[in-house]
Amino acid sequence: MFQSFEDLEVWKRSCQLAVRVYELIGTSRDFSLKDQMQRSAVSIASNIAEGSERSKKEFARFLKIASGSAAELRTQTYIASKVGIIGLEEMREVINECKEISKMLYGLGKSLNTDN
C-alpha cells in the first residue's frame, strides 16, 4: 500500500495541479472565481491527505470528496476560459489533469476494498 499520503502519486499530482492553478490565475482581478478555483484545487490534495489519516472507509469517502473538488475545478476552469481569465490551451491542460486525477482517485478508492 503506502506509508504516507506523500507517497501517493495522486497526491503529488494534485499538489502540482494546485500550484499550476495559482500560476495561471494569480494575476486575475476576478477575485471571486479566483478564490473558488484556488480553493477547489487545494481541496483535492487536502482531502487525500486528511482521508489517508483515517479509516479505510473514511479514506474512501474523502477520495470521493476530492474527486468532487476536481469536478468543481473543471467547471470553474471552463468558466474562466469563457470569460477570458485563462486561454484555451491552459483550460485544456487543467481539464485533462483533473480528469486524470479523478481516474486515479477512483482507482485508489477501489483498491481500499470498502463496501461503499
PDB file of N, CA and C in Angstrom:
ATOM      1  N   MET A   1       0.855  -1.185   0.000  1.00  0.00           N
ATOM      2  CA  MET A   1       0.000   0.000   0.000  1.00  0.00           C
ATOM      3  C   MET A   1       0.897   1.243   0.000  1.00  0.00           C
ATOM      4  N   PHE A   2       0.827   2.061   1.034  1.00  0.00           N
ATOM      5  CA  PHE A   2       1.651   3.255   1.117  1.00  0.00           C
ATOM      6  C   PHE A   2       1.893   3.576   2.584  1.00  0.00           C
ATOM      7  N   GLN A   3       2.979   4.260   2.848  1.00  0.00           N
ATOM      8  CA  GLN A   3       3.325   4.640   4.214  1.00  0.00           C
ATOM      9  C   GLN A   3       2.648   5.949   4.633  1.00  0.00           C
ATOM     10  N   SER A   4       2.612   6.888   3.700  1.00  0.00           N
ATOM     11  CA  SER A   4       2.086   8.217   3.991  1.00  0.00           C
ATOM     12  C   SER A   4       1.479   8.795   2.714  1.00  0.00           C
ATOM     13  N   PHE A   5       0.601   9.748   2.869  1.00  0.00           N
ATOM     14  CA  PHE A   5      -0.019  10.358   1.693  1.00  0.00           C
ATOM     15  C   PHE A   5       1.015  10.969   0.761  1.00  0.00           C
ATOM     16  N   GLU A   6       2.160  11.386   1.314  1.00  0.00           N
ATOM     17  CA  GLU A   6       3.214  11.962   0.482  1.00  0.00           C
ATOM     18  C   GLU A   6       3.772  10.953  -0.527  1.00  0.00           C
ATOM     19  N   ASP A   7       3.544   9.666  -0.279  1.00  0.00           N
ATOM     20  CA  ASP A   7       3.996   8.612  -1.191  1.00  0.00           C
ATOM     21  C   ASP A   7       3.055   8.434  -2.384  1.00  0.00           C
ATOM     22  N   LEU A   8       1.847   8.955  -2.294  1.00  0.00           N
ATOM     23  CA  LEU A   8       0.829   8.731  -3.321  1.00  0.00           C
ATOM     24  C   LEU A   8       1.033   9.649  -4.528  1.00  0.00           C
ATOM     25  N   GLU A   9       1.131   9.044  -5.706  1.00  0.00           N
ATOM     26  CA  GLU A   9       1.302   9.815  -6.941  1.00  0.00           C
ATOM     27  C   GLU A   9       0.123  10.762  -7.157  1.00  0.00           C
ATOM     28  N   VAL A  10      -1.081  10.328  -6.805  1.00  0.00           N
ATOM     29  CA  VAL A  10      -2.255  11.181  -6.991  1.00  0.00           C
ATOM     30  C   VAL A  10      -2.175  12.429  -6.105  1.00  0.00           C
ATOM     31  N   TRP A  11      -1.613  12.296  -4.920  1.00  0.00           N
ATOM     32  CA  TRP A  11      -1.439  13.465  -4.041  1.00  0.00           C
ATOM     33  C   TRP A  11      -0.399  14.407  -4.640  1.00  0.00           C
ATOM     34  N   LYS A  12       0.694  13.853  -5.131  1.00  0.00           N
ATOM     35  CA  LYS A  12       1.751  14.678  -5.738  1.00  0.00           C
ATOM     36  C   LYS A  12       1.215  15.456  -6.931  1.00  0.00           C
ATOM     37  N   ARG A  13       0.468  14.760  -7.785  1.00  0.00           N
ATOM     38  CA  ARG A  13      -0.090  15.428  -8.972  1.00  0.00           C
ATOM     39  C   ARG A  13      -1.135  16.465  -8.587  1.00  0.00           C
ATOM     40  N   SER A  14      -1.887  16.195  -7.542  1.00  0.00           N
ATOM     41  CA  SER A  14      -2.880  17.160  -7.065  1.00  0.00           C
ATOM     42  C   SER A  14      -2.203  18.423  -6.550  1.00  0.00           C
ATOM     43  N   CYS A  15      -1.103  18.258  -5.861  1.00  0.00           N
ATOM     44  CA  CYS A  15      -0.343  19.427  -5.391  1.00  0.00           C
ATOM     45  C   CYS A  15       0.199  20.226  -6.571  1.00  0.00           C
ATOM     46  N   GLN A  16       0.735  19.523  -7.561  1.00  0.00           N
ATOM     47  CA  GLN A  16       1.246  20.199  -8.762  1.00  0.00           C
ATOM     48  C   GLN A  16       0.132  20.948  -9.482  1.00  0.00           C
ATOM     49  N   LEU A  17      -1.050  20.333  -9.531  1.00  0.00           N
ATOM     50  CA  LEU A  17      -2.193  20.988 -10.164  1.00  0.00           C
ATOM     51  C   LEU A  17      -2.569  22.268  -9.416  1.00  0.00           C
ATOM     52  N   ALA A  18      -2.582  22.203  -8.098  1.00  0.00           N
ATOM     53  CA  ALA A  18      -2.912  23.392  -7.304  1.00  0.00           C
ATOM     54  C   ALA A  18      -1.920  24.514  -7.578  1.00  0.00           C
ATOM     55  N   VAL A  19      -0.649  24.181  -7.633  1.00  0.00           N
ATOM     56  CA  VAL A  19       0.376  25.185  -7.929  1.00  0.00           C
ATOM     57  C   VAL A  19       0.145  25.771  -9.322  1.00  0.00           C
ATOM     58  N   ARG A  20      -0.174  24.918 -10.282  1.00  0.00           N
ATOM     59  CA  ARG A  20      -0.423  25.381 -11.649  1.00  0.00           C
ATOM     60  C   ARG A  20      -1.623  26.327 -11.705  1.00  0.00           C
ATOM     61  N   VAL A  21      -2.669  26.006 -10.981  1.00  0.00           N
ATOM     62  CA  VAL A  21      -3.842  26.882 -10.942  1.00  0.00           C
ATOM     63  C   VAL A  21      -3.455  28.243 -10.366  1.00  0.00           C
ATOM     64  N   TYR A  22      -2.690  28.244  -9.292  1.00  0.00           N
ATOM     65  CA  TYR A  22      -2.225  29.509  -8.714  1.00  0.00           C
ATOM     66  C   TYR A  22      -1.430  30.311  -9.739  1.00  0.00           C
ATOM     67  N   GLU A  23      -0.564  29.628 -10.493  1.00  0.00           N
ATOM     68  CA  GLU A  23       0.229  30.318 -11.511  1.00  0.00           C
ATOM     69  C   GLU A  23      -0.648  30.912 -12.610  1.00  0.00           C
ATOM     70  N   LEU A  24      -1.640  30.144 -13.034  1.00  0.00           N
ATOM     71  CA  LEU A  24      -2.477  30.576 -14.151  1.00  0.00           C
ATOM     72  C   LEU A  24      -3.390  31.753 -13.812  1.00  0.00           C
ATOM     73  N   ILE A  25      -3.880  31.793 -12.601  1.00  0.00           N
ATOM     74  CA  ILE A  25      -4.877  32.820 -12.271  1.00  0.00           C
ATOM     75  C   ILE A  25      -4.396  33.818 -11.225  1.00  0.00           C
ATOM     76  N   GLY A  26      -3.107  33.757 -10.905  1.00  0.00           N
ATOM     77  CA  GLY A  26      -2.550  34.608  -9.856  1.00  0.00           C
ATOM     78  C   GLY A  26      -2.774  36.089 -10.039  1.00  0.00           C
ATOM     79  N   THR A  27      -2.799  36.549 -11.273  1.00  0.00           N
ATOM     80  CA  THR A  27      -2.957  37.989 -11.509  1.00  0.00           C
ATOM     81  C   THR A  27      -4.391  38.383 -11.852  1.00  0.00           C
ATOM     82  N   SER A  28      -5.298  37.408 -11.839  1.00  0.00           N
ATOM     83  CA  SER A  28      -6.689  37.711 -12.175  1.00  0.00           C
ATOM     84  C   SER A  28      -7.296  38.676 -11.168  1.00  0.00           C
ATOM     85  N   ARG A  29      -8.093  39.601 -11.696  1.00  0.00           N
ATOM     86  CA  ARG A  29      -8.777  40.556 -10.821  1.00  0.00           C
ATOM     87  C   ARG A  29     -10.198  40.094 -10.491  1.00  0.00           C
ATOM     88  N   ASP A  30     -10.591  38.947 -11.035  1.00  0.00           N
ATOM     89  CA  ASP A  30     -11.891  38.364 -10.687  1.00  0.00           C
ATOM     90  C   ASP A  30     -11.685  37.557  -9.414  1.00  0.00           C
ATOM     91  N   PHE A  31     -11.762  38.249  -8.299  1.00  0.00           N
ATOM     92  CA  PHE A  31     -11.380  37.640  -7.028  1.00  0.00           C
ATOM     93  C   PHE A  31     -12.303  36.509  -6.602  1.00  0.00           C
ATOM     94  N   SER A  32     -13.548  36.575  -6.981  1.00  0.00           N
ATOM     95  CA  SER A  32     -14.493  35.528  -6.596  1.00  0.00           C
ATOM     96  C   SER A  32     -14.166  34.198  -7.285  1.00  0.00           C
ATOM     97  N   LEU A  33     -14.061  34.217  -8.609  1.00  0.00           N
ATOM     98  CA  LEU A  33     -13.738  32.998  -9.343  1.00  0.00           C
ATOM     99  C   LEU A  33     -12.336  32.511  -8.995  1.00  0.00           C
ATOM    100  N   LYS A  34     -11.412  33.435  -8.867  1.00  0.00           N
ATOM    101  CA  LYS A  34     -10.032  33.098  -8.496  1.00  0.00           C
ATOM    102  C   LYS A  34     -10.009  32.359  -7.158  1.00  0.00           C
ATOM    103  N   ASP A  35     -10.729  32.877  -6.183  1.00  0.00           N
ATOM    104  CA  ASP A  35     -10.791  32.254  -4.858  1.00  0.00           C
ATOM    105  C   ASP A  35     -11.408  30.857  -4.945  1.00  0.00           C
ATOM    106  N   GLN A  36     -12.496  30.725  -5.688  1.00  0.00           N
ATOM    107  CA  GLN A  36     -13.158  29.426  -5.833  1.00  0.00           C
ATOM    108  C   GLN A  36     -12.242  28.400  -6.497  1.00  0.00           C
ATOM    109  N   MET A  37     -11.538  28.815  -7.532  1.00  0.00           N
ATOM    110  CA  MET A  37     -10.639  27.897  -8.231  1.00  0.00           C
ATOM    111  C   MET A  37      -9.475  27.476  -7.339  1.00  0.00           C
ATOM    112  N   GLN A  38      -8.930  28.420  -6.614  1.00  0.00           N
ATOM    113  CA  GLN A  38      -7.821  28.092  -5.717  1.00  0.00           C
ATOM    114  C   GLN A  38      -8.282  27.144  -4.610  1.00  0.00           C
ATOM    115  N   ARG A  39      -9.448  27.400  -4.053  1.00  0.00           N
ATOM    116  CA  ARG A  39      -9.976  26.531  -3.004  1.00  0.00           C
ATOM    117  C   ARG A  39     -10.247  25.120  -3.526  1.00  0.00           C
ATOM    118  N   SER A  40     -10.833  25.025  -4.698  1.00  0.00           N
ATOM    119  CA  SER A  40     -11.113  23.708  -5.282  1.00  0.00           C
ATOM    120  C   SER A  40      -9.818  22.949  -5.538  1.00  0.00           C
ATOM    121  N   ALA A  41      -8.841  23.624  -6.105  1.00  0.00           N
ATOM    122  CA  ALA A  41      -7.569  22.982  -6.421  1.00  0.00           C
ATOM    123  C   ALA A  41      -6.860  22.489  -5.162  1.00  0.00           C
ATOM    124  N   VAL A  42      -6.823  23.321  -4.140  1.00  0.00           N
ATOM    125  CA  VAL A  42      -6.168  22.939  -2.882  1.00  0.00           C
ATOM    126  C   VAL A  42      -6.945  21.823  -2.186  1.00  0.00           C
ATOM    127  N   SER A  43      -8.254  21.836  -2.330  1.00  0.00           N
ATOM    128  CA  SER A  43      -9.116  20.847  -1.684  1.00  0.00           C
ATOM    129  C   SER A  43      -8.831  19.424  -2.156  1.00  0.00           C
ATOM    130  N   ILE A  44      -8.438  19.253  -3.399  1.00  0.00           N
ATOM    131  CA  ILE A  44      -8.180  17.910  -3.917  1.00  0.00           C
ATOM    132  C   ILE A  44      -7.070  17.237  -3.097  1.00  0.00           C
ATOM    133  N   ALA A  45      -5.906  17.860  -3.066  1.00  0.00           N
ATOM    134  CA  ALA A  45      -4.773  17.284  -2.327  1.00  0.00           C
ATOM    135  C   ALA A  45      -5.051  17.234  -0.820  1.00  0.00           C
ATOM    136  N   SER A  46      -5.730  18.244  -0.307  1.00  0.00           N
ATOM    137  CA  SER A  46      -6.013  18.291   1.134  1.00  0.00           C
ATOM    138  C   SER A  46      -6.914  17.148   1.577  1.00  0.00           C
ATOM    139  N   ASN A  47      -7.915  16.831   0.782  1.00  0.00           N
ATOM    140  CA  ASN A  47      -8.812  15.727   1.135  1.00  0.00           C
ATOM    141  C   ASN A  47      -8.117  14.371   1.047  1.00  0.00           C
ATOM    142  N   ILE A  48      -7.212  14.220   0.091  1.00  0.00           N
ATOM    143  CA  ILE A  48      -6.419  12.988   0.021  1.00  0.00           C
ATOM    144  C   ILE A  48      -5.610  12.842   1.298  1.00  0.00           C
ATOM    145  N   ALA A  49      -4.943  13.907   1.692  1.00  0.00           N
ATOM    146  CA  ALA A  49      -4.105  13.872   2.890  1.00  0.00           C
ATOM    147  C   ALA A  49      -4.932  13.596   4.149  1.00  0.00           C
ATOM    148  N   GLU A  50      -6.008  14.338   4.314  1.00  0.00           N
ATOM    149  CA  GLU A  50      -6.827  14.161   5.515  1.00  0.00           C
ATOM    150  C   GLU A  50      -7.417  12.758   5.580  1.00  0.00           C
ATOM    151  N   GLY A  51      -7.944  12.284   4.479  1.00  0.00           N
ATOM    152  CA  GLY A  51      -8.554  10.968   4.457  1.00  0.00           C
ATOM    153  C   GLY A  51      -7.574   9.849   4.733  1.00  0.00           C
ATOM    154  N   SER A  52      -6.345  10.026   4.295  1.00  0.00           N
ATOM    155  CA  SER A  52      -5.343   8.973   4.479  1.00  0.00           C
ATOM    156  C   SER A  52      -5.013   8.714   5.942  1.00  0.00           C
ATOM    157  N   GLU A  53      -5.326   9.667   6.779  1.00  0.00           N
ATOM    158  CA  GLU A  53      -5.047   9.539   8.215  1.00  0.00           C
ATOM    159  C   GLU A  53      -6.225   8.941   8.981  1.00  0.00           C
ATOM    160  N   ARG A  54      -7.236   8.475   8.265  1.00  0.00           N
ATOM    161  CA  ARG A  54      -8.444   7.929   8.872  1.00  0.00           C
ATOM    162  C   ARG A  54      -8.618   6.468   8.497  1.00  0.00           C
ATOM    163  N   SER A  55      -9.756   5.903   8.831  1.00  0.00           N
ATOM    164  CA  SER A  55     -10.033   4.505   8.490  1.00  0.00           C
ATOM    165  C   SER A  55     -10.158   4.351   6.974  1.00  0.00           C
ATOM    166  N   LYS A  56     -10.104   3.111   6.488  1.00  0.00           N
ATOM    167  CA  LYS A  56     -10.249   2.869   5.056  1.00  0.00           C
ATOM    168  C   LYS A  56     -11.585   3.385   4.527  1.00  0.00           C
ATOM    169  N   LYS A  57     -12.644   3.155   5.286  1.00  0.00           N
ATOM    170  CA  LYS A  57     -13.969   3.608   4.858  1.00  0.00           C
ATOM    171  C   LYS A  57     -14.016   5.135   4.762  1.00  0.00           C
ATOM    172  N   GLU A  58     -13.467   5.807   5.756  1.00  0.00           N
ATOM    173  CA  GLU A  58     -13.445   7.266   5.718  1.00  0.00           C
ATOM    174  C   GLU A  58     -12.529   7.775   4.606  1.00  0.00           C
ATOM    175  N   PHE A  59     -11.402   7.086   4.401  1.00  0.00           N
ATOM    176  CA  PHE A  59     -10.488   7.469   3.334  1.00  0.00           C
ATOM    177  C   PHE A  59     -11.212   7.415   1.987  1.00  0.00           C
ATOM    178  N   ALA A  60     -11.967   6.354   1.769  1.00  0.00           N
ATOM    179  CA  ALA A  60     -12.734   6.226   0.523  1.00  0.00           C
ATOM    180  C   ALA A  60     -13.696   7.405   0.358  1.00  0.00           C
ATOM    181  N   ARG A  61     -14.327   7.816   1.444  1.00  0.00           N
ATOM    182  CA  ARG A  61     -15.249   8.949   1.390  1.00  0.00           C
ATOM    183  C   ARG A  61     -14.499  10.243   1.051  1.00  0.00           C
ATOM    184  N   PHE A  62     -13.335  10.437   1.648  1.00  0.00           N
ATOM    185  CA  PHE A  62     -12.544  11.638   1.367  1.00  0.00           C
ATOM    186  C   PHE A  62     -12.035  11.647  -0.070  1.00  0.00           C
ATOM    187  N   LEU A  63     -11.761  10.467  -0.624  1.00  0.00           N
ATOM    188  CA  LEU A  63     -11.346  10.393  -2.023  1.00  0.00           C
ATOM    189  C   LEU A  63     -12.487  10.825  -2.937  1.00  0.00           C
ATOM    190  N   LYS A  64     -13.715  10.476  -2.557  1.00  0.00           N
ATOM    191  CA  LYS A  64     -14.878  10.918  -3.332  1.00  0.00           C
ATOM    192  C   LYS A  64     -15.051  12.437  -3.231  1.00  0.00           C
ATOM    193  N   ILE A  65     -14.791  12.974  -2.065  1.00  0.00           N
ATOM    194  CA  ILE A  65     -14.861  14.426  -1.898  1.00  0.00           C
ATOM    195  C   ILE A  65     -13.790  15.098  -2.760  1.00  0.00           C
ATOM    196  N   ALA A  66     -12.585  14.524  -2.766  1.00  0.00           N
ATOM    197  CA  ALA A  66     -11.511  15.065  -3.598  1.00  0.00           C
ATOM    198  C   ALA A  66     -11.897  15.023  -5.072  1.00  0.00           C
ATOM    199  N   SER A  67     -12.534  13.942  -5.487  1.00  0.00           N
ATOM    200  CA  SER A  67     -12.993  13.831  -6.869  1.00  0.00           C
ATOM    201  C   SER A  67     -14.046  14.889  -7.174  1.00  0.00           C
ATOM    202  N   GLY A  68     -14.906  15.154  -6.227  1.00  0.00           N
ATOM    203  CA  GLY A  68     -15.892  16.220  -6.391  1.00  0.00           C
ATOM    204  C   GLY A  68     -15.233  17.581  -6.547  1.00  0.00           C
ATOM    205  N   SER A  69     -14.167  17.807  -5.798  1.00  0.00           N
ATOM    206  CA  SER A  69     -13.427  19.062  -5.930  1.00  0.00           C
ATOM    207  C   SER A  69     -12.777  19.167  -7.304  1.00  0.00           C
ATOM    208  N   ALA A  70     -12.315  18.037  -7.838  1.00  0.00           N
ATOM    209  CA  ALA A  70     -11.733  18.047  -9.189  1.00  0.00           C
ATOM    210  C   ALA A  70     -12.790  18.403 -10.225  1.00  0.00           C
ATOM    211  N   ALA A  71     -14.003  17.874 -10.058  1.00  0.00           N
ATOM    212  CA  ALA A  71     -15.099  18.209 -10.972  1.00  0.00           C
ATOM    213  C   ALA A  71     -15.478  19.685 -10.839  1.00  0.00           C
ATOM    214  N   GLU A  72     -15.461  20.174  -9.616  1.00  0.00           N
ATOM    215  CA  GLU A  72     -15.753  21.588  -9.370  1.00  0.00           C
ATOM    216  C   GLU A  72     -14.706  22.464 -10.071  1.00  0.00           C
ATOM    217  N   LEU A  73     -13.446  22.083  -9.947  1.00  0.00           N
ATOM    218  CA  LEU A  73     -12.376  22.846 -10.599  1.00  0.00           C
ATOM    219  C   LEU A  73     -12.512  22.798 -12.118  1.00  0.00           C
ATOM    220  N   ARG A  74     -12.916  21.663 -12.663  1.00  0.00           N
ATOM    221  CA  ARG A  74     -13.140  21.575 -14.106  1.00  0.00           C
ATOM    222  C   ARG A  74     -14.195  22.585 -14.545  1.00  0.00           C
ATOM    223  N   THR A  75     -15.304  22.639 -13.823  1.00  0.00           N
ATOM    224  CA  THR A  75     -16.377  23.577 -14.155  1.00  0.00           C
ATOM    225  C   THR A  75     -15.868  25.014 -14.095  1.00  0.00           C
ATOM    226  N   GLN A  76     -15.171  25.338 -13.042  1.00  0.00           N
ATOM    227  CA  GLN A  76     -14.647  26.694 -12.874  1.00  0.00           C
ATOM    228  C   GLN A  76     -13.634  27.039 -13.959  1.00  0.00           C
ATOM    229  N   THR A  77     -12.880  26.034 -14.399  1.00  0.00           N
ATOM    230  CA  THR A  77     -11.891  26.244 -15.452  1.00  0.00           C
ATOM    231  C   THR A  77     -12.572  26.548 -16.784  1.00  0.00           C
ATOM    232  N   TYR A  78     -13.661  25.820 -17.087  1.00  0.00           N
ATOM    233  CA  TYR A  78     -14.432  26.127 -18.292  1.00  0.00           C
ATOM    234  C   TYR A  78     -14.914  27.575 -18.254  1.00  0.00           C
ATOM    235  N   ILE A  79     -15.439  27.980 -17.124  1.00  0.00           N
ATOM    236  CA  ILE A  79     -15.950  29.345 -16.976  1.00  0.00           C
ATOM    237  C   ILE A  79     -14.822  30.356 -17.114  1.00  0.00           C
ATOM    238  N   ALA A  80     -13.688  30.086 -16.463  1.00  0.00           N
ATOM    239  CA  ALA A  80     -12.539  31.002 -16.528  1.00  0.00           C
ATOM    240  C   ALA A  80     -12.068  31.189 -17.962  1.00  0.00           C
ATOM    241  N   SER A  81     -12.128  30.131 -18.746  1.00  0.00           N
ATOM    242  CA  SER A  81     -11.732  30.231 -20.148  1.00  0.00           C
ATOM    243  C   SER A  81     -12.739  31.068 -20.941  1.00  0.00           C
ATOM    244  N   LYS A  82     -14.020  30.825 -20.699  1.00  0.00           N
ATOM    245  CA  LYS A  82     -15.057  31.535 -21.453  1.00  0.00           C
ATOM    246  C   LYS A  82     -15.065  33.040 -21.168  1.00  0.00           C
ATOM    247  N   VAL A  83     -14.663  33.432 -19.953  1.00  0.00           N
ATOM    248  CA  VAL A  83     -14.647  34.863 -19.624  1.00  0.00           C
ATOM    249  C   VAL A  83     -13.266  35.488 -19.841  1.00  0.00           C
ATOM    250  N   GLY A  84     -12.335  34.702 -20.361  1.00  0.00           N
ATOM    251  CA  GLY A  84     -11.041  35.254 -20.743  1.00  0.00           C
ATOM    252  C   GLY A  84      -9.990  35.320 -19.657  1.00  0.00           C
ATOM    253  N   ILE A  85     -10.188  34.634 -18.555  1.00  0.00           N
ATOM    254  CA  ILE A  85      -9.184  34.648 -17.484  1.00  0.00           C
ATOM    255  C   ILE A  85      -7.998  33.758 -17.839  1.00  0.00           C
ATOM    256  N   ILE A  86      -8.277  32.638 -18.490  1.00  0.00           N
ATOM    257  CA  ILE A  86      -7.215  31.750 -18.964  1.00  0.00           C
ATOM    258  C   ILE A  86      -7.479  31.414 -20.430  1.00  0.00           C
ATOM    259  N   GLY A  87      -6.424  31.032 -21.113  1.00  0.00           N
ATOM    260  CA  GLY A  87      -6.535  30.694 -22.521  1.00  0.00           C
ATOM    261  C   GLY A  87      -7.038  29.276 -22.737  1.00  0.00           C
ATOM    262  N   LEU A  88      -7.357  28.979 -23.981  1.00  0.00           N
ATOM    263  CA  LEU A  88      -7.888  27.667 -24.355  1.00  0.00           C
ATOM    264  C   LEU A  88      -6.900  26.541 -24.046  1.00  0.00           C
ATOM    265  N   GLU A  89      -5.640  26.755 -24.345  1.00  0.00           N
ATOM    266  CA  GLU A  89      -4.624  25.719 -24.093  1.00  0.00           C
ATOM    267  C   GLU A  89      -4.473  25.456 -22.591  1.00  0.00           C
ATOM    268  N   GLU A  90      -4.468  26.508 -21.792  1.00  0.00           N
ATOM    269  CA  GLU A  90      -4.378  26.351 -20.343  1.00  0.00           C
ATOM    270  C   GLU A  90      -5.613  25.636 -19.801  1.00  0.00           C
ATOM    271  N   MET A  91      -6.771  25.972 -20.367  1.00  0.00           N
ATOM    272  CA  MET A  91      -8.007  25.302 -19.961  1.00  0.00           C
ATOM    273  C   MET A  91      -7.893  23.809 -20.215  1.00  0.00           C
ATOM    274  N   ARG A  92      -7.465  23.439 -21.396  1.00  0.00           N
ATOM    275  CA  ARG A  92      -7.328  22.018 -21.736  1.00  0.00           C
ATOM    276  C   ARG A  92      -6.354  21.308 -20.802  1.00  0.00           C
ATOM    277  N   GLU A  93      -5.265  21.978 -20.495  1.00  0.00           N
ATOM    278  CA  GLU A  93      -4.253  21.416 -19.592  1.00  0.00           C
ATOM    279  C   GLU A  93      -4.860  21.089 -18.224  1.00  0.00           C
ATOM    280  N   VAL A  94      -5.569  22.043 -17.649  1.00  0.00           N
ATOM    281  CA  VAL A  94      -6.162  21.847 -16.326  1.00  0.00           C
ATOM    282  C   VAL A  94      -7.268  20.796 -16.376  1.00  0.00           C
ATOM    283  N   ILE A  95      -8.125  20.875 -17.384  1.00  0.00           N
ATOM    284  CA  ILE A  95      -9.226  19.916 -17.525  1.00  0.00           C
ATOM    285  C   ILE A  95      -8.680  18.494 -17.639  1.00  0.00           C
ATOM    286  N   ASN A  96      -7.693  18.304 -18.495  1.00  0.00           N
ATOM    287  CA  ASN A  96      -7.115  16.968 -18.679  1.00  0.00           C
ATOM    288  C   ASN A  96      -6.491  16.439 -17.399  1.00  0.00           C
ATOM    289  N   GLU A  97      -5.798  17.298 -16.675  1.00  0.00           N
ATOM    290  CA  GLU A  97      -5.170  16.841 -15.429  1.00  0.00           C
ATOM    291  C   GLU A  97      -6.235  16.518 -14.382  1.00  0.00           C
ATOM    292  N   CYS A  98      -7.284  17.298 -14.316  1.00  0.00           N
ATOM    293  CA  CYS A  98      -8.390  16.992 -13.396  1.00  0.00           C
ATOM    294  C   CYS A  98      -8.996  15.628 -13.708  1.00  0.00           C
ATOM    295  N   LYS A  99      -9.191  15.348 -14.996  1.00  0.00           N
ATOM    296  CA  LYS A  99      -9.763  14.059 -15.389  1.00  0.00           C
ATOM    297  C   LYS A  99      -8.831  12.907 -15.023  1.00  0.00           C
ATOM    298  N   GLU A 100      -7.540  13.087 -15.232  1.00  0.00           N
ATOM    299  CA  GLU A 100      -6.575  12.036 -14.881  1.00  0.00           C
ATOM    300  C   GLU A 100      -6.543  11.812 -13.370  1.00  0.00           C
ATOM    301  N   ILE A 101      -6.563  12.878 -12.621  1.00  0.00           N
ATOM    302  CA  ILE A 101      -6.557  12.772 -11.158  1.00  0.00           C
ATOM    303  C   ILE A 101      -7.832  12.079 -10.690  1.00  0.00           C
ATOM    304  N   SER A 102      -8.967  12.398 -11.304  1.00  0.00           N
ATOM    305  CA  SER A 102     -10.220  11.739 -10.931  1.00  0.00           C
ATOM    306  C   SER A 102     -10.147  10.234 -11.168  1.00  0.00           C
ATOM    307  N   LYS A 103      -9.554   9.839 -12.279  1.00  0.00           N
ATOM    308  CA  LYS A 103      -9.370   8.410 -12.556  1.00  0.00           C
ATOM    309  C   LYS A 103      -8.484   7.755 -11.499  1.00  0.00           C
ATOM    310  N   MET A 104      -7.431   8.440 -11.128  1.00  0.00           N
ATOM    311  CA  MET A 104      -6.519   7.916 -10.105  1.00  0.00           C
ATOM    312  C   MET A 104      -7.226   7.793  -8.756  1.00  0.00           C
ATOM    313  N   LEU A 105      -8.033   8.782  -8.428  1.00  0.00           N
ATOM    314  CA  LEU A 105      -8.785   8.750  -7.172  1.00  0.00           C
ATOM    315  C   LEU A 105      -9.754   7.582  -7.152  1.00  0.00           C
ATOM    316  N   TYR A 106     -10.418   7.366  -8.271  1.00  0.00           N
ATOM    317  CA  TYR A 106     -11.352   6.246  -8.377  1.00  0.00           C
ATOM    318  C   TYR A 106     -10.616   4.920  -8.177  1.00  0.00           C
ATOM    319  N   GLY A 107      -9.487   4.762  -8.847  1.00  0.00           N
ATOM    320  CA  GLY A 107      -8.700   3.536  -8.712  1.00  0.00           C
ATOM    321  C   GLY A 107      -8.202   3.322  -7.303  1.00  0.00           C
ATOM    322  N   LEU A 108      -7.748   4.374  -6.669  1.00  0.00           N
ATOM    323  CA  LEU A 108      -7.278   4.258  -5.285  1.00  0.00           C
ATOM    324  C   LEU A 108      -8.438   3.879  -4.377  1.00  0.00           C
ATOM    325  N   GLY A 109      -9.577   4.489  -4.575  1.00  0.00           N
ATOM    326  CA  GLY A 109     -10.756   4.158  -3.778  1.00  0.00           C
ATOM    327  C   GLY A 109     -11.149   2.703  -3.932  1.00  0.00           C
ATOM    328  N   LYS A 110     -11.129   2.201  -5.159  1.00  0.00           N
ATOM    329  CA  LYS A 110     -11.460   0.793  -5.404  1.00  0.00           C
ATOM    330  C   LYS A 110     -10.457  -0.138  -4.716  1.00  0.00           C
ATOM    331  N   SER A 111      -9.206   0.275  -4.650  1.00  0.00           N
ATOM    332  CA  SER A 111      -8.177  -0.578  -4.053  1.00  0.00           C
ATOM    333  C   SER A 111      -8.314  -0.700  -2.536  1.00  0.00           C
ATOM    334  N   LEU A 112      -9.120   0.167  -1.937  1.00  0.00           N
ATOM    335  CA  LEU A 112      -9.289   0.120  -0.483  1.00  0.00           C
ATOM    336  C   LEU A 112     -10.206  -1.012  -0.042  1.00  0.00           C
ATOM    337  N   ASN A 113     -10.954  -1.587  -0.990  1.00  0.00           N
ATOM    338  CA  ASN A 113     -11.854  -2.713  -0.696  1.00  0.00           C
ATOM    339  C   ASN A 113     -12.842  -2.417   0.424  1.00  0.00           C
ATOM    340  N   THR A 114     -13.516  -1.281   0.308  1.00  0.00           N
ATOM    341  CA  THR A 114     -14.576  -0.948   1.269  1.00  0.00           C
ATOM    342  C   THR A 114     -15.911  -1.270   0.620  1.00  0.00           C
ATOM    343  N   ASP A 115     -16.945  -1.364   1.413  1.00  0.00           N
ATOM    344  CA  ASP A 115     -18.277  -1.674   0.891  1.00  0.00           C
ATOM    345  C   ASP A 115     -18.916  -0.476   0.202  1.00  0.00           C
ATOM    346  N   ASN A 116     -18.417   0.730   0.437  1.00  0.00           N
ATOM    347  CA  ASN A 116     -19.028   1.938  -0.156  1.00  0.00           C
ATOM    348  C   ASN A 116     -18.266   2.337  -1.374  1.00  0.00           C
TER     349      ASN A 116
END
